[in-house]
Amino acid sequence: MKKLIPYLFLVFTCNLFAADQESATRTLVWSDGTRYVGGVVDGKRSGKGTIFWQAGTRFVGEFENDMRNGPGTMIMPDGKVYSGVFKDDELIDTMVKIEVDIEDAPEVAASEDDEASIAATTEIEPIAAEPQREAVVESSIVEETIEAVEEVAVEEIIEETYEEEVVEPAETIALIPREEMPDVEDDPYQTVTRLTNRVRSEVTETVDLWGAAWSEQNVPQYLSNYSEDFAVPGNLSRRGWEALRGSRLIRPSYIDLEIAYGRIELIADNTIDVFFRQTYRSNLYRDKTDKKLRLQREEQGWRITEESSL
């Protein structure tokens, strides 16, 4: 029994070490709106993950050492999908290949000279130079066959391109009677009158960007999250408040901000209250505060109109 104790301790220690090395699923947000959701080890992207860009493009695949490494898929805003293999963020191989089947090539008819040459070869013993002539003839036939295959492939591509159905502009949405137009559930262009999953995602994304800009001490990006209708606290002017906030953002050598969401409430059309606990850390100050942000939907998206500590 005593001999087993060191082995059990060794196995337990190895399991703890392996558990520490496993990637934890986290969400990383940059001030330009880019988000990453997936595995993170030692602050670096690792394992399976997804990148979301502001323009709507997504990448789903494998990460290693904070870069795309391994198979991955790019999903474009228009729905097109491209798959490939990445090495240190560089595309090294695609998984889609176009091949031409040589068996479908048209047969090349033998000419009269070829038939005469074949007949002469069967009746008369070839001289020493004859094999070279046969090689030239065979090479010519192969080249003609390849050219024929290429011409057929190009013609098929051209035919497929011009055979696509052309959509006539006569029947447009404007010509469809309003009563016959389908209802669009959770239309992103309609007034927000209820709290849907899409609305929750939009609002939390705005707050995440606000927090990321604060952490990165990016003053212009931070201030851009506030509405022109923002209720400036105290007796400060808008310009004075912006100058004060800017100085507080750039004064510390670093800022680390964490947001733990609470409830989200729709209090009026296009107006939402977001409750959360804010954990602030810098080289000058640290605290935890329960806060509320009131956001209003505008043409540029969701913007902050009120900010208060609870």
Protein backbone atom coordinates (compact mmCIF):
# COMPACT_ATOMS: atom_id res chain seq x y z
CA MET A 1 0.00 0.00 0.00
CA LYS A 2 2.83 2.39 0.85
CA LYS A 3 4.38 1.77 -2.57
CA LEU A 4 1.15 2.83 -4.30
CA ILE A 5 0.96 6.23 -2.58
CA PRO A 6 3.73 7.91 -4.67
CA TYR A 7 2.12 6.67 -7.91
CA LEU A 8 -1.33 7.91 -6.89
CA PHE A 9 0.16 11.30 -6.02
CA LEU A 10 1.90 11.44 -9.41
CA VAL A 11 -1.34 10.63 -11.29
CA PHE A 12 -3.26 13.22 -9.29
CA THR A 13 -0.62 15.88 -10.01
CA CYS A 14 -0.63 15.09 -13.77
CA ASN A 15 -4.42 15.38 -13.87
CA LEU A 16 -4.27 18.78 -12.20
CA PHE A 17 -1.62 19.95 -14.66
CA ALA A 18 -3.69 18.73 -17.64
CA ALA A 19 -6.77 20.46 -16.29
CA ASP A 20 -4.86 23.74 -16.00
CA GLN A 21 -3.75 23.45 -19.64
CA GLU A 22 -7.27 22.94 -21.00
CA SER A 23 -8.59 25.94 -22.84
CA ALA A 24 -11.43 27.86 -21.20
CA THR A 25 -14.23 29.25 -23.34
CA ARG A 26 -14.14 33.04 -23.16
CA THR A 27 -15.32 36.09 -25.11
CA LEU A 28 -12.74 38.66 -26.22
CA VAL A 29 -13.90 42.05 -27.52
CA TRP A 30 -11.85 44.71 -29.31
CA SER A 31 -12.72 48.40 -29.53
CA ASP A 32 -13.34 48.20 -33.31
CA GLY A 33 -16.20 45.78 -32.69
CA THR A 34 -14.36 42.54 -33.46
CA ARG A 35 -15.30 39.66 -31.13
CA TYR A 36 -13.81 36.23 -30.47
CA VAL A 37 -15.71 33.42 -28.74
CA GLY A 38 -13.81 30.21 -28.04
CA GLY A 39 -10.90 28.62 -26.26
CA VAL A 40 -8.31 30.78 -24.50
CA VAL A 41 -5.08 29.53 -22.87
CA ASP A 42 -2.70 31.95 -21.11
CA GLY A 43 -4.52 34.89 -22.67
CA LYS A 44 -4.12 33.51 -26.22
CA ARG A 45 -6.74 32.08 -28.55
CA SER A 46 -6.42 28.29 -28.60
CA GLY A 47 -8.58 25.39 -29.74
CA LYS A 48 -11.93 25.86 -31.43
CA GLY A 49 -13.24 29.38 -31.76
CA THR A 50 -15.18 31.92 -33.81
CA ILE A 51 -14.25 35.46 -34.88
CA PHE A 52 -17.04 37.97 -35.57
CA TRP A 53 -16.18 41.10 -37.58
CA GLN A 54 -18.37 44.22 -37.62
CA ALA A 55 -19.00 43.89 -41.37
CA GLY A 56 -20.75 40.54 -40.80
CA THR A 57 -17.92 38.17 -41.78
CA ARG A 58 -17.27 35.18 -39.51
CA PHE A 59 -14.43 32.69 -39.19
CA VAL A 60 -15.00 29.32 -37.53
CA GLY A 61 -12.05 27.02 -37.00
CA GLU A 62 -8.98 26.00 -35.03
CA PHE A 63 -6.60 28.36 -33.23
CA GLU A 64 -3.13 27.90 -31.79
CA ASN A 65 -0.73 30.45 -30.29
CA ASP A 66 -3.33 33.25 -30.81
CA MET A 67 -3.47 32.60 -34.60
CA ARG A 68 -5.58 30.59 -37.02
CA ASN A 69 -3.94 27.19 -37.35
CA GLY A 70 -5.65 24.19 -38.93
CA PRO A 71 -8.94 23.78 -40.79
CA GLY A 72 -11.27 26.76 -40.86
CA THR A 73 -14.26 28.25 -42.64
CA MET A 74 -14.94 31.87 -43.66
CA ILE A 75 -18.62 32.84 -43.84
CA MET A 76 -19.16 36.05 -45.80
CA PRO A 77 -22.03 38.53 -45.22
CA ASP A 78 -23.67 37.46 -48.51
CA GLY A 79 -23.77 33.82 -47.37
CA LYS A 80 -20.82 32.52 -49.39
CA VAL A 81 -18.66 29.96 -47.59
CA TYR A 82 -14.95 29.32 -48.12
CA SER A 83 -13.06 26.49 -46.41
CA GLY A 84 -9.35 25.91 -46.15
CA VAL A 85 -6.35 25.13 -44.00
CA PHE A 86 -4.49 27.92 -42.18
CA LYS A 87 -0.93 28.18 -40.87
CA ASP A 88 -0.07 31.13 -38.60
CA ASP A 89 -3.05 33.16 -39.91
CA GLU A 90 -2.09 32.44 -43.57
CA LEU A 91 -4.23 30.34 -45.94
CA ILE A 92 -2.00 27.51 -47.16
CA ASP A 93 -4.52 25.18 -48.82
CA THR A 94 -8.12 25.26 -49.99
CA MET A 95 -10.52 22.37 -49.67
CA VAL A 96 -12.28 23.08 -53.00
CA LYS A 97 -10.62 21.83 -56.18
CA ILE A 98 -11.78 21.91 -59.82
CA GLU A 99 -10.75 18.91 -61.88
CA VAL A 100 -11.29 18.06 -65.57
CA ASP A 101 -12.04 14.41 -66.26
CA ILE A 102 -9.85 13.28 -69.19
CA GLU A 103 -12.22 10.38 -69.90
CA ASP A 104 -14.89 12.85 -71.06
CA ALA A 105 -12.59 14.29 -73.72
CA PRO A 106 -13.87 14.04 -77.32
CA GLU A 107 -12.22 11.49 -79.54
CA VAL A 108 -9.85 12.89 -82.16
CA ALA A 109 -10.45 11.29 -85.54
CA ALA A 110 -7.41 9.91 -87.30
CA SER A 111 -6.46 11.73 -90.50
CA GLU A 112 -5.71 10.07 -93.83
CA ASP A 113 -1.98 10.67 -93.29
CA ASP A 114 -2.20 8.89 -89.94
CA GLU A 115 -4.02 5.90 -91.50
CA ALA A 116 -1.46 5.72 -94.29
CA SER A 117 1.33 5.91 -91.73
CA ILE A 118 -0.20 3.07 -89.73
CA ALA A 119 -0.66 0.92 -92.86
CA ALA A 120 2.92 1.56 -93.93
CA THR A 121 4.13 0.60 -90.50
CA THR A 122 2.35 -2.80 -90.67
CA GLU A 123 3.60 -3.66 -94.19
CA ILE A 124 7.17 -2.31 -94.12
CA GLU A 125 9.73 -2.75 -91.40
CA PRO A 126 10.44 0.74 -89.95
CA ILE A 127 13.87 2.28 -90.39
CA ALA A 128 15.93 3.57 -87.48
CA ALA A 129 14.50 7.11 -87.68
CA GLU A 130 10.88 5.90 -87.71
CA PRO A 131 10.38 5.64 -83.92
CA GLN A 132 11.12 9.38 -83.60
CA ARG A 133 8.42 10.13 -86.17
CA GLU A 134 5.92 7.97 -84.24
CA ALA A 135 6.76 9.84 -81.03
CA VAL A 136 6.10 13.17 -82.77
CA VAL A 137 2.74 11.93 -84.06
CA GLU A 138 1.72 10.66 -80.59
CA SER A 139 2.78 13.94 -78.96
CA SER A 140 0.75 15.90 -81.51
CA ILE A 141 -2.33 13.76 -80.82
CA VAL A 142 -1.97 14.24 -77.04
CA GLU A 143 -1.64 18.02 -77.45
CA GLU A 144 -4.73 18.12 -79.65
CA THR A 145 -6.62 16.05 -77.06
CA ILE A 146 -5.65 18.40 -74.22
CA GLU A 147 -6.62 21.44 -76.28
CA ALA A 148 -9.98 19.83 -77.07
CA VAL A 149 -10.58 19.14 -73.36
CA GLU A 150 -9.76 22.74 -72.46
CA GLU A 151 -12.06 24.09 -75.20
CA VAL A 152 -14.93 21.88 -74.01
CA ALA A 153 -14.40 22.95 -70.37
CA VAL A 154 -14.36 26.65 -71.32
CA GLU A 155 -17.45 26.26 -73.50
CA GLU A 156 -19.33 24.52 -70.66
CA ILE A 157 -18.41 27.32 -68.24
CA ILE A 158 -19.55 29.98 -70.74
CA GLU A 159 -22.81 28.13 -71.43
CA GLU A 160 -23.53 27.76 -67.70
CA THR A 161 -22.80 31.46 -67.18
CA TYR A 162 -25.17 32.65 -69.91
CA GLU A 163 -27.83 30.04 -69.21
CA GLU A 164 -28.45 31.47 -65.72
CA GLU A 165 -31.96 32.76 -65.35
CA VAL A 166 -32.10 36.53 -65.62
CA VAL A 167 -34.36 38.16 -63.03
CA GLU A 168 -36.61 40.70 -64.65
CA PRO A 169 -36.90 43.93 -62.64
CA ALA A 170 -40.60 44.22 -63.43
CA GLU A 171 -41.79 42.38 -60.29
CA THR A 172 -40.31 44.21 -57.32
CA ILE A 173 -41.39 44.48 -53.71
CA ALA A 174 -42.82 47.91 -54.46
CA LEU A 175 -45.37 46.33 -56.83
CA ILE A 176 -46.63 43.80 -54.27
CA PRO A 177 -49.80 44.97 -52.47
CA ARG A 178 -49.09 45.78 -48.84
CA GLU A 179 -51.70 43.32 -47.55
CA GLU A 180 -49.95 40.51 -49.43
CA MET A 181 -46.46 41.23 -48.11
CA PRO A 182 -45.31 38.65 -45.53
CA ASP A 183 -44.89 39.62 -41.89
CA VAL A 184 -41.25 39.70 -40.79
CA GLU A 185 -40.82 38.61 -37.20
CA ASP A 186 -38.30 40.65 -35.19
CA ASP A 187 -37.55 43.04 -38.07
CA PRO A 188 -34.30 44.87 -37.20
CA TYR A 189 -35.57 48.05 -38.91
CA GLN A 190 -38.82 48.31 -36.95
CA THR A 191 -39.35 50.15 -33.68
CA VAL A 192 -38.24 48.02 -30.72
CA THR A 193 -41.41 47.28 -28.76
CA ARG A 194 -40.38 44.00 -27.10
CA LEU A 195 -37.20 42.46 -25.76
CA THR A 196 -36.15 39.74 -28.21
CA ASN A 197 -32.94 37.72 -28.30
CA ARG A 198 -31.70 39.85 -31.19
CA VAL A 199 -32.31 43.06 -29.23
CA ARG A 200 -30.55 41.62 -26.17
CA SER A 201 -27.55 40.71 -28.34
CA GLU A 202 -27.38 44.20 -29.88
CA VAL A 203 -27.56 45.93 -26.51
CA THR A 204 -24.97 43.74 -24.76
CA GLU A 205 -22.66 44.12 -27.76
CA THR A 206 -22.86 47.91 -27.41
CA VAL A 207 -22.05 47.71 -23.69
CA ASP A 208 -19.18 45.29 -24.43
CA LEU A 209 -17.71 47.76 -26.94
CA TRP A 210 -18.08 50.58 -24.40
CA GLY A 211 -16.21 48.50 -21.80
CA ALA A 212 -13.54 47.39 -24.29
CA ALA A 213 -12.84 51.01 -25.31
CA TRP A 214 -12.55 51.94 -21.63
CA SER A 215 -10.09 49.07 -20.98
CA GLU A 216 -8.02 50.00 -24.03
CA GLN A 217 -8.08 53.68 -22.96
CA ASN A 218 -9.38 54.62 -26.40
CA VAL A 219 -11.02 57.97 -25.64
CA PRO A 220 -12.68 58.69 -29.05
CA GLN A 221 -14.14 55.17 -29.24
CA TYR A 222 -15.32 55.37 -25.63
CA LEU A 223 -17.10 58.72 -26.10
CA SER A 224 -18.71 57.59 -29.37
CA ASN A 225 -20.95 55.23 -27.37
CA TYR A 226 -22.76 58.18 -25.76
CA SER A 227 -25.81 59.77 -27.38
CA GLU A 228 -26.09 63.44 -28.19
CA ASP A 229 -29.02 63.33 -25.73
CA PHE A 230 -26.81 61.99 -22.91
CA ALA A 231 -27.74 63.47 -19.53
CA VAL A 232 -24.46 64.99 -18.34
CA PRO A 233 -24.13 64.56 -14.56
CA GLY A 234 -23.68 67.55 -12.26
CA ASN A 235 -23.33 71.07 -13.59
CA LEU A 236 -20.77 70.20 -16.26
CA SER A 237 -21.19 71.04 -19.91
CA ARG A 238 -20.94 68.25 -22.47
CA ARG A 239 -17.49 69.47 -23.53
CA GLY A 240 -16.30 69.72 -19.93
CA TRP A 241 -17.59 66.24 -19.11
CA GLU A 242 -15.85 64.74 -22.17
CA ALA A 243 -12.58 66.42 -21.20
CA LEU A 244 -12.88 65.07 -17.63
CA ARG A 245 -13.66 61.52 -18.79
CA GLY A 246 -10.82 61.62 -21.30
CA SER A 247 -8.28 62.64 -18.66
CA ARG A 248 -9.44 59.86 -16.32
CA LEU A 249 -9.10 57.27 -19.09
CA ILE A 250 -5.53 58.13 -20.06
CA ARG A 251 -4.15 58.87 -16.56
CA PRO A 252 -3.60 55.22 -15.38
CA SER A 253 -0.88 53.10 -16.95
CA TYR A 254 -3.44 50.34 -17.45
CA ILE A 255 -7.18 49.71 -16.97
CA ASP A 256 -8.95 46.36 -16.63
CA LEU A 257 -12.75 46.43 -16.74
CA GLU A 258 -15.06 43.43 -16.27
CA ILE A 259 -18.84 43.45 -16.73
CA ALA A 260 -21.20 40.90 -15.14
CA TYR A 261 -24.69 41.37 -16.58
CA GLY A 262 -27.81 41.39 -14.47
CA ARG A 263 -31.27 42.13 -15.83
CA ILE A 264 -32.18 43.93 -19.04
CA GLU A 265 -35.50 45.81 -19.21
CA LEU A 266 -37.42 47.49 -22.01
CA ILE A 267 -38.83 50.65 -20.40
CA ALA A 268 -40.19 52.33 -23.55
CA ASP A 269 -40.09 51.98 -27.32
CA ASN A 270 -36.43 51.95 -28.44
CA THR A 271 -35.28 52.51 -24.83
CA ILE A 272 -33.64 49.84 -22.64
CA ASP A 273 -32.07 49.74 -19.16
CA VAL A 274 -29.07 47.44 -18.64
CA PHE A 275 -28.10 46.48 -15.07
CA PHE A 276 -24.66 45.01 -14.35
CA ARG A 277 -21.81 44.81 -11.83
CA GLN A 278 -18.69 46.64 -12.95
CA THR A 279 -15.27 45.54 -11.67
CA TYR A 280 -12.66 48.24 -12.28
CA ARG A 281 -8.93 47.74 -11.76
CA SER A 282 -5.99 50.03 -12.54
CA ASN A 283 -2.63 50.92 -11.06
CA LEU A 284 -4.32 53.87 -9.30
CA TYR A 285 -7.73 52.63 -8.15
CA ARG A 286 -9.91 49.52 -7.75
CA ASP A 287 -13.57 49.02 -6.98
CA LYS A 288 -16.78 47.09 -7.71
CA THR A 289 -19.92 49.02 -8.55
CA ASP A 290 -23.49 48.12 -9.44
CA LYS A 291 -24.45 50.30 -12.40
CA LYS A 292 -27.27 51.03 -14.81
CA LEU A 293 -26.93 52.22 -18.38
CA ARG A 294 -29.95 53.50 -20.26
CA LEU A 295 -29.59 53.00 -24.01
CA GLN A 296 -31.62 54.53 -26.81
CA ARG A 297 -31.81 53.21 -30.34
CA GLU A 298 -30.70 55.75 -32.92
CA GLU A 299 -29.75 55.73 -36.60
CA GLN A 300 -26.16 54.78 -35.73
CA GLY A 301 -27.30 52.01 -33.37
CA TRP A 302 -27.71 51.86 -29.59
CA ARG A 303 -26.30 54.82 -27.66
CA ILE A 304 -26.05 55.64 -23.92
CA THR A 305 -28.40 58.37 -22.70
CA GLU A 306 -28.02 57.87 -18.92
CA GLU A 307 -25.33 56.39 -16.65
CA SER A 308 -25.72 55.90 -12.92
CA SER A 309 -24.33 53.92 -9.98
CA LEU A 310 -26.80 52.03 -7.80
